[in-house]
Amino acid sequence: MKKYILLIFILFTLTGCYSYKELNTIAITSALEVDKQNDEFILRMQVMNPQDLKEGNSKNEAPFIIYEGKDKTIMNAGHKLETVSSRLPYLYHMQILLLKENVLYNDLDKILDFLIRDQNIRNDFYIIIEKNNNDLISLTTPIVSISANAIKETLITNSKYYSTTLLVEFKELISNYLNPNIELVLPSIEIIDNTNEDNEISNTEKTSNFAKYKLSTLGIFKQNKFIGYLTEEESVAYNFISGKINNYILQYQCNNDKYIALDIVSNKTSIELDNKKIIIKINSKANINQVDCNINIKDNKVIKEMENKANKELYNQINTSLTNIITKYNSDIFGFKDIYYKKNYKYYKEIKDNYYEHFKNLDIDIKTNVKIISEGNTVEGINEKN
């Protein structure tokens, strides 16, 4: 009996993780870029430099290394990455996936199939389009040494405080791709002020004249094929309608070249159906941010008038952009088809096979409701004394 107890005890002490890997045998990947040129897939992998990450390391080494693999199939391109690296690529800690425009027209399905089958990849990394086929994966950045981390932090920050972008995780992309009633929308990024030294360590040693990147407008798809980019105004309208606005500066002219600016600090959007009619309700709360005109914001009637003008301005912005998107792209990036599927299935069955003929003529009603909740740090404005 004692022998059996001892055997069981030994078995418990010998347990371990079946997929365990030594850190000195893997290449921790922070970003992956997918491109296609001359009918060949190009995978570029940003791997963190373990020497640079060592505490007390005084050598001027690059914070990451770029490896590249090319082949006719994306799978073999991935295998060729392994032949140029002394360590096994490890994608579990990948922060971002950069997609060149070249692969978005006909090859997105191949990329997603390749990634979803890899058991060593998490599904919470972010997807970004590289606008104009820029070379962002080799860009070195100040402040945050690993550029993949810098881009991720920029994306998160901008999605909170700037209304032309959004966050799309891999799991959301897969879900939307597989849903026949939803069109894809992805954020984009581009290089600006390129000094042709964007991949040099010296780029991090400059104060202003270095290669910079910026988040651009939203890239949109139709039937999972890339069709173009929205304007800034259209990107804002998409985020309002989709309920993804976190912060927005709404401004309108109050007198000649003078403006009133309201800071929208919260927003809730709902989309309802009245039989076949789509009703978009946008409810926003705002703070008074700037008042150039000589008005008395202590007066409730003045506040009410400001709210009315803000509602009119927001309605015009969203209605104009919605009309432009439908006219230019005829792509239901707003998910109206999915709403019909969930809330009026009978009508959905009638239109699903020829939906985009109906989409161009949908009856859509937009209702905006902006409420001012704060006058700022002071009730009395500077211009009230002039």
Protein backbone atom coordinates (compact mmCIF):
# COMPACT_ATOMS: atom_id res chain seq x y z
CA MET A 1 0.00 0.00 0.00
CA LYS A 2 2.84 2.36 0.84
CA LYS A 3 4.36 1.68 -2.58
CA TYR A 4 1.17 2.81 -4.34
CA ILE A 5 0.98 5.99 -2.25
CA LEU A 6 4.63 6.74 -3.04
CA LEU A 7 4.01 6.12 -6.77
CA ILE A 8 1.01 8.51 -6.81
CA PHE A 9 3.07 11.17 -5.00
CA ILE A 10 5.90 10.85 -7.54
CA LEU A 11 3.45 11.14 -10.45
CA PHE A 12 2.08 14.43 -9.07
CA THR A 13 5.55 15.87 -8.68
CA LEU A 14 6.40 15.01 -12.29
CA THR A 15 3.45 16.83 -13.87
CA GLY A 16 4.12 19.75 -16.21
CA CYS A 17 2.78 21.71 -19.15
CA TYR A 18 2.76 19.76 -22.41
CA SER A 19 3.41 22.92 -24.46
CA TYR A 20 6.13 24.28 -22.22
CA LYS A 21 8.99 26.04 -24.04
CA GLU A 22 12.25 27.41 -22.68
CA LEU A 23 12.53 31.19 -23.08
CA ASN A 24 15.97 30.89 -24.65
CA THR A 25 14.52 28.75 -27.47
CA ILE A 26 11.75 31.05 -28.69
CA ALA A 27 11.60 34.36 -30.59
CA ILE A 28 8.94 36.47 -28.88
CA THR A 29 7.02 38.19 -31.67
CA SER A 30 5.48 41.61 -31.03
CA ALA A 31 4.05 42.24 -34.52
CA LEU A 32 3.36 40.44 -37.77
CA GLU A 33 3.02 42.10 -41.18
CA VAL A 34 1.42 40.48 -44.23
CA ASP A 35 2.10 41.71 -47.75
CA LYS A 36 1.88 40.32 -51.28
CA GLN A 37 4.08 41.19 -54.23
CA ASN A 38 4.57 39.41 -57.56
CA ASP A 39 2.12 36.68 -56.52
CA GLU A 40 4.17 35.89 -53.41
CA PHE A 41 3.08 36.33 -49.81
CA ILE A 42 5.57 38.21 -47.67
CA LEU A 43 5.49 37.69 -43.91
CA ARG A 44 7.60 40.03 -41.81
CA MET A 45 7.94 39.40 -38.11
CA GLN A 46 9.05 41.88 -35.47
CA VAL A 47 10.91 39.96 -32.77
CA MET A 48 11.98 41.49 -29.48
CA ASN A 49 15.74 41.57 -29.01
CA PRO A 50 16.47 39.71 -25.74
CA GLN A 51 19.88 41.39 -25.42
CA ASP A 52 18.32 44.84 -25.50
CA LEU A 53 15.77 43.82 -22.85
CA LYS A 54 18.43 42.71 -20.37
CA GLU A 55 18.62 44.90 -17.29
CA GLY A 56 21.79 46.96 -17.20
CA ASN A 57 22.57 46.38 -20.88
CA SER A 58 24.71 49.31 -22.02
CA LYS A 59 25.13 48.29 -25.67
CA ASN A 60 23.39 50.41 -28.29
CA GLU A 61 21.40 47.52 -29.74
CA ALA A 62 18.16 47.62 -31.71
CA PRO A 63 15.13 46.85 -29.52
CA PHE A 64 13.77 44.42 -32.10
CA ILE A 65 14.79 42.39 -35.17
CA ILE A 66 12.83 41.93 -38.41
CA TYR A 67 12.65 38.49 -40.05
CA GLU A 68 11.09 37.87 -43.45
CA GLY A 69 9.70 34.89 -45.33
CA LYS A 70 8.34 34.71 -48.90
CA ASP A 71 6.42 32.08 -50.80
CA LYS A 72 3.45 31.42 -53.07
CA THR A 73 1.41 30.25 -50.09
CA ILE A 74 1.14 32.04 -46.76
CA MET A 75 1.82 28.78 -44.89
CA ASN A 76 5.15 28.22 -46.60
CA ALA A 77 6.06 31.87 -46.13
CA GLY A 78 5.54 31.25 -42.42
CA HIS A 79 7.76 28.17 -42.51
CA LYS A 80 10.50 30.12 -44.26
CA LEU A 81 10.45 32.61 -41.38
CA GLU A 82 11.58 29.77 -39.16
CA THR A 83 14.61 29.06 -41.37
CA VAL A 84 16.06 32.57 -40.97
CA SER A 85 15.66 32.77 -37.21
CA SER A 86 17.87 30.99 -34.70
CA ARG A 87 14.85 30.64 -32.44
CA LEU A 88 11.33 29.33 -33.01
CA PRO A 89 8.87 32.17 -33.74
CA TYR A 90 6.43 32.52 -30.83
CA LEU A 91 3.28 34.55 -31.65
CA TYR A 92 1.46 34.19 -28.33
CA HIS A 93 2.45 37.71 -27.23
CA MET A 94 1.78 39.39 -30.56
CA GLN A 95 0.33 42.89 -30.11
CA ILE A 96 -0.70 43.90 -33.63
CA LEU A 97 -1.25 42.45 -37.10
CA LEU A 98 -0.35 44.87 -39.90
CA LEU A 99 -2.10 44.24 -43.22
CA LYS A 100 -0.79 45.85 -46.38
CA GLU A 101 -3.42 47.11 -48.82
CA ASN A 102 -2.17 44.56 -51.40
CA VAL A 103 -3.61 41.60 -49.46
CA LEU A 104 -7.00 43.10 -48.65
CA TYR A 105 -8.61 42.75 -52.07
CA ASN A 106 -8.45 38.99 -52.61
CA ASP A 107 -6.40 37.32 -49.87
CA LEU A 108 -7.95 38.20 -46.52
CA ASP A 109 -9.58 34.77 -46.26
CA LYS A 110 -6.20 33.05 -46.65
CA ILE A 111 -4.64 35.22 -43.92
CA LEU A 112 -7.45 34.59 -41.45
CA ASP A 113 -7.43 30.85 -42.15
CA PHE A 114 -3.67 30.74 -41.59
CA LEU A 115 -3.89 32.58 -38.26
CA ILE A 116 -6.98 30.93 -36.83
CA ARG A 117 -5.43 27.47 -37.17
CA ASP A 118 -2.33 28.37 -35.14
CA GLN A 119 -2.82 27.16 -31.56
CA ASN A 120 0.01 29.39 -30.32
CA ILE A 121 -1.79 32.64 -31.22
CA ARG A 122 -4.14 34.50 -28.90
CA ASN A 123 -7.23 36.18 -30.34
CA ASP A 124 -6.96 39.57 -28.64
CA PHE A 125 -4.32 41.30 -30.77
CA TYR A 126 -5.33 44.33 -32.85
CA ILE A 127 -5.70 44.53 -36.63
CA ILE A 128 -4.50 47.61 -38.56
CA ILE A 129 -4.28 48.45 -42.25
CA GLU A 130 -1.00 49.95 -43.44
CA LYS A 131 -2.25 52.80 -45.60
CA ASN A 132 -0.32 53.41 -48.83
CA ASN A 133 1.62 50.19 -48.16
CA ASN A 134 3.95 51.96 -45.71
CA ASP A 135 6.75 50.03 -44.00
CA LEU A 136 5.66 50.39 -40.39
CA ILE A 137 6.90 47.15 -38.89
CA SER A 138 10.55 48.29 -39.05
CA LEU A 139 9.82 51.79 -37.75
CA THR A 140 11.72 52.73 -34.59
CA THR A 141 9.87 54.94 -32.15
CA PRO A 142 10.84 57.26 -29.30
CA ILE A 143 9.44 56.84 -25.75
CA VAL A 144 8.34 53.23 -26.34
CA SER A 145 11.21 51.25 -27.83
CA ILE A 146 9.15 48.38 -29.29
CA SER A 147 7.20 50.06 -32.08
CA ALA A 148 4.44 47.41 -31.99
CA ASN A 149 3.74 48.38 -28.38
CA ALA A 150 3.86 52.08 -29.30
CA ILE A 151 1.35 51.60 -32.13
CA LYS A 152 -0.93 49.56 -29.86
CA GLU A 153 -0.87 52.24 -27.16
CA THR A 154 -1.56 54.94 -29.76
CA LEU A 155 -4.49 52.96 -31.09
CA ILE A 156 -6.01 52.49 -27.62
CA THR A 157 -5.53 56.15 -26.66
CA ASN A 158 -6.89 57.50 -29.93
CA SER A 159 -9.95 55.26 -29.83
CA LYS A 160 -10.82 56.87 -26.49
CA TYR A 161 -10.18 60.50 -27.33
CA TYR A 162 -10.25 60.81 -31.13
CA SER A 163 -13.29 59.78 -33.12
CA THR A 164 -11.92 58.69 -36.50
CA THR A 165 -10.50 55.34 -35.42
CA LEU A 166 -11.59 52.26 -33.50
CA LEU A 167 -10.25 49.08 -31.94
CA VAL A 168 -10.72 45.77 -33.75
CA GLU A 169 -9.40 42.62 -32.11
CA PHE A 170 -8.74 39.45 -34.07
CA LYS A 171 -11.68 37.61 -32.48
CA GLU A 172 -14.06 40.43 -33.53
CA LEU A 173 -12.65 40.41 -37.05
CA ILE A 174 -13.23 36.66 -37.34
CA SER A 175 -16.77 36.95 -35.98
CA ASN A 176 -17.68 39.74 -38.40
CA TYR A 177 -15.99 38.00 -41.34
CA LEU A 178 -18.09 34.88 -40.79
CA ASN A 179 -21.34 36.85 -40.40
CA PRO A 180 -22.90 37.33 -43.88
CA ASN A 181 -24.93 40.28 -42.59
CA ILE A 182 -21.98 42.42 -41.44
CA GLU A 183 -19.36 44.27 -43.48
CA LEU A 184 -15.82 44.72 -42.17
CA VAL A 185 -14.38 48.01 -40.92
CA LEU A 186 -10.73 48.33 -39.87
CA PRO A 187 -8.53 51.19 -38.61
CA SER A 188 -5.60 52.36 -40.71
CA ILE A 189 -2.20 53.86 -40.02
CA GLU A 190 0.38 55.66 -42.14
CA ILE A 191 3.87 57.16 -41.92
CA ILE A 192 4.22 60.93 -42.07
CA ASP A 193 7.35 63.13 -42.19
CA ASN A 194 9.44 60.20 -43.37
CA THR A 195 13.14 61.13 -43.25
CA ASN A 196 14.23 57.80 -44.80
CA GLU A 197 15.82 56.97 -41.45
CA ASP A 198 12.72 55.52 -39.90
CA ASN A 199 14.37 52.15 -39.28
CA GLU A 200 17.51 53.54 -37.70
CA ILE A 201 18.17 53.66 -33.96
CA SER A 202 19.09 57.33 -34.43
CA ASN A 203 15.41 57.96 -35.08
CA THR A 204 14.85 57.64 -31.32
CA GLU A 205 17.62 60.14 -30.53
CA LYS A 206 15.97 63.13 -32.23
CA THR A 207 13.57 65.63 -30.67
CA SER A 208 11.32 66.47 -33.61
CA ASN A 209 12.76 65.68 -37.04
CA PHE A 210 12.17 61.95 -37.05
CA ALA A 211 9.86 59.61 -38.95
CA LYS A 212 6.40 59.71 -37.44
CA TYR A 213 3.23 57.71 -37.88
CA LYS A 214 -0.38 58.67 -37.40
CA LEU A 215 -3.67 56.84 -37.24
CA SER A 216 -5.70 57.57 -40.33
CA THR A 217 -9.36 57.05 -41.23
CA LEU A 218 -11.32 53.81 -41.37
CA GLY A 219 -10.88 51.26 -44.16
CA ILE A 220 -14.12 49.61 -45.27
CA PHE A 221 -15.08 46.42 -47.08
CA LYS A 222 -17.93 45.03 -49.14
CA GLN A 223 -18.54 41.29 -49.08
CA ASN A 224 -15.14 40.91 -47.39
CA LYS A 225 -13.29 42.77 -50.18
CA PHE A 226 -11.50 46.05 -49.43
CA ILE A 227 -13.09 49.00 -51.27
CA GLY A 228 -11.51 52.15 -49.80
CA TYR A 229 -11.20 54.63 -46.94
CA LEU A 230 -13.76 56.86 -45.31
CA THR A 231 -13.09 60.56 -44.82
CA GLU A 232 -12.62 61.92 -41.30
CA GLU A 233 -16.24 63.12 -41.22
CA GLU A 234 -17.52 59.76 -42.46
CA SER A 235 -15.38 57.89 -39.91
CA VAL A 236 -16.88 60.00 -37.12
CA ALA A 237 -20.41 59.36 -38.41
CA TYR A 238 -19.74 55.60 -38.56
CA ASN A 239 -18.56 55.60 -34.94
CA PHE A 240 -21.60 57.59 -33.82
CA ILE A 241 -24.05 55.26 -35.57
CA SER A 242 -22.19 52.17 -34.34
CA GLY A 243 -22.11 53.48 -30.76
CA LYS A 244 -18.31 53.53 -30.65
CA ILE A 245 -17.81 57.21 -29.89
CA ASN A 246 -16.08 57.87 -26.57
CA ASN A 247 -15.17 61.52 -27.01
CA TYR A 248 -15.84 64.13 -29.70
CA ILE A 249 -15.56 67.91 -30.09
CA LEU A 250 -18.76 69.20 -31.68
CA GLN A 251 -18.47 72.79 -32.87
CA TYR A 252 -20.74 75.19 -34.67
CA GLN A 253 -20.52 78.79 -35.79
CA CYS A 254 -22.26 81.28 -33.54
CA ASN A 255 -21.27 84.55 -35.21
CA ASN A 256 -19.14 85.09 -38.33
CA ASP A 257 -15.74 83.59 -37.46
CA LYS A 258 -16.65 82.81 -33.85
CA TYR A 259 -17.48 79.34 -32.61
CA ILE A 260 -18.96 77.37 -29.75
CA ALA A 261 -17.33 74.00 -29.04
CA LEU A 262 -18.93 71.25 -26.97
CA ASP A 263 -16.96 68.30 -25.65
CA ILE A 264 -19.09 65.16 -25.98
CA VAL A 265 -17.98 63.02 -23.06
CA SER A 266 -20.47 60.16 -23.36
CA ASN A 267 -22.71 58.77 -26.05
CA LYS A 268 -25.27 56.02 -26.37
CA THR A 269 -26.67 54.97 -29.72
CA SER A 270 -29.57 52.62 -30.36
CA ILE A 271 -30.94 51.42 -33.68
CA GLU A 272 -34.59 50.39 -33.80
CA LEU A 273 -37.04 49.25 -36.46
CA ASP A 274 -40.48 50.63 -37.11
CA ASN A 275 -41.62 47.92 -39.51
CA LYS A 276 -39.11 48.54 -42.35
CA LYS A 277 -37.97 51.99 -41.24
CA ILE A 278 -34.61 52.28 -39.47
CA ILE A 279 -34.53 54.71 -36.56
CA ILE A 280 -31.12 55.76 -35.24
CA LYS A 281 -31.25 57.40 -31.80
CA ILE A 282 -28.09 59.19 -30.70
CA ASN A 283 -28.03 60.45 -27.11
CA SER A 284 -24.97 62.47 -26.10
CA LYS A 285 -23.83 64.31 -23.00
CA ALA A 286 -21.48 67.26 -23.42
CA ASN A 287 -19.50 69.89 -21.56
CA ILE A 288 -19.10 73.44 -22.80
CA ASN A 289 -15.53 73.57 -24.05
CA GLN A 290 -15.21 76.95 -25.82
CA VAL A 291 -17.45 80.01 -26.19
CA ASP A 292 -16.25 82.77 -28.52
CA CYS A 293 -19.56 84.67 -28.67
CA ASN A 294 -20.89 87.09 -26.07
CA ILE A 295 -23.66 85.00 -24.55
CA ASN A 296 -24.89 84.38 -21.01
CA ILE A 297 -24.41 80.68 -20.35
CA LYS A 298 -25.97 81.14 -16.88
CA ASP A 299 -29.32 81.52 -18.64
CA ASN A 300 -31.19 78.24 -19.10
CA LYS A 301 -32.78 79.55 -22.31
CA VAL A 302 -29.32 80.14 -23.75
CA ILE A 303 -28.28 76.60 -22.79
CA LYS A 304 -31.41 75.23 -24.46
CA GLU A 305 -30.66 77.20 -27.62
CA MET A 306 -27.08 75.86 -27.59
CA GLU A 307 -28.42 72.31 -27.32
CA ASN A 308 -30.81 72.88 -30.23
CA LYS A 309 -28.03 74.21 -32.45
CA ALA A 310 -25.74 71.36 -31.39
CA ASN A 311 -28.44 68.82 -32.26
CA LYS A 312 -28.93 70.39 -35.67
CA GLU A 313 -25.17 70.43 -36.35
CA LEU A 314 -24.68 66.81 -35.25
CA TYR A 315 -27.68 65.67 -37.30
CA ASN A 316 -26.37 67.40 -40.42
CA GLN A 317 -22.90 65.90 -39.99
CA ILE A 318 -24.15 62.34 -39.52
CA ASN A 319 -26.90 62.52 -42.15
CA THR A 320 -24.54 63.96 -44.80
CA SER A 321 -21.86 61.33 -44.12
CA LEU A 322 -24.38 58.47 -44.05
CA THR A 323 -25.76 59.57 -47.42
CA ASN A 324 -22.25 59.87 -48.87
CA ILE A 325 -21.22 56.40 -47.69
CA ILE A 326 -24.33 54.79 -49.15
CA THR A 327 -23.94 56.67 -52.44
CA LYS A 328 -20.18 56.20 -52.90
CA TYR A 329 -19.66 52.69 -51.57
CA ASN A 330 -23.09 51.04 -51.26
CA SER A 331 -21.68 49.00 -48.39
CA ASP A 332 -23.72 48.32 -45.26
CA ILE A 333 -20.91 48.90 -42.76
CA PHE A 334 -23.56 49.93 -40.19
CA GLY A 335 -25.04 46.44 -39.93
CA PHE A 336 -28.61 47.37 -40.90
CA LYS A 337 -29.00 44.01 -42.65
CA ASP A 338 -28.15 42.23 -39.40
CA ILE A 339 -30.77 44.32 -37.60
CA TYR A 340 -33.41 43.23 -40.12
CA TYR A 341 -32.27 39.64 -39.59
CA LYS A 342 -32.73 39.92 -35.82
CA LYS A 343 -35.82 42.13 -35.61
CA ASN A 344 -37.79 41.63 -38.83
CA TYR A 345 -36.86 38.24 -40.22
CA LYS A 346 -39.84 38.10 -42.55
CA TYR A 347 -38.68 41.23 -44.39
CA TYR A 348 -35.06 40.04 -44.21
CA LYS A 349 -35.96 36.91 -46.21
CA GLU A 350 -37.54 39.08 -48.87
CA ILE A 351 -34.49 41.29 -49.42
CA LYS A 352 -31.43 39.20 -48.46
CA ASP A 353 -30.67 37.91 -51.98
CA ASN A 354 -30.82 41.36 -53.53
CA TYR A 355 -30.06 43.40 -50.44
CA TYR A 356 -27.88 46.14 -51.91
CA GLU A 357 -30.59 47.21 -54.31
CA HIS A 358 -32.77 47.85 -51.26
CA PHE A 359 -29.91 49.32 -49.21
CA LYS A 360 -29.58 52.31 -51.53
CA ASN A 361 -33.19 53.27 -50.81
CA LEU A 362 -33.59 52.46 -47.11
CA ASP A 363 -35.90 54.68 -45.08
CA ILE A 364 -33.63 55.97 -42.31
CA ASP A 365 -34.54 58.45 -39.57
CA ILE A 366 -31.77 59.98 -37.42
CA LYS A 367 -32.66 61.48 -34.03
CA THR A 368 -29.95 63.36 -32.13
CA ASN A 369 -30.24 64.45 -28.51
CA VAL A 370 -27.31 66.47 -27.14
CA LYS A 371 -27.56 67.48 -23.48
CA ILE A 372 -25.16 69.97 -21.88
CA ILE A 373 -24.23 68.70 -18.42
CA SER A 374 -21.47 71.16 -17.48
CA GLU A 375 -20.45 74.73 -18.28
CA GLY A 376 -16.80 74.03 -17.51
CA ASN A 377 -14.69 75.35 -14.64
CA THR A 378 -16.39 78.75 -14.71
CA VAL A 379 -20.00 79.72 -15.31
CA GLU A 380 -19.15 83.24 -16.44
CA GLY A 381 -17.35 83.28 -19.78
CA ILE A 382 -14.49 85.60 -20.76
CA ASN A 383 -16.51 87.04 -23.62
CA GLU A 384 -19.40 88.02 -21.35
CA LYS A 385 -17.32 90.96 -20.07
CA ASN A 386 -16.44 92.29 -23.51
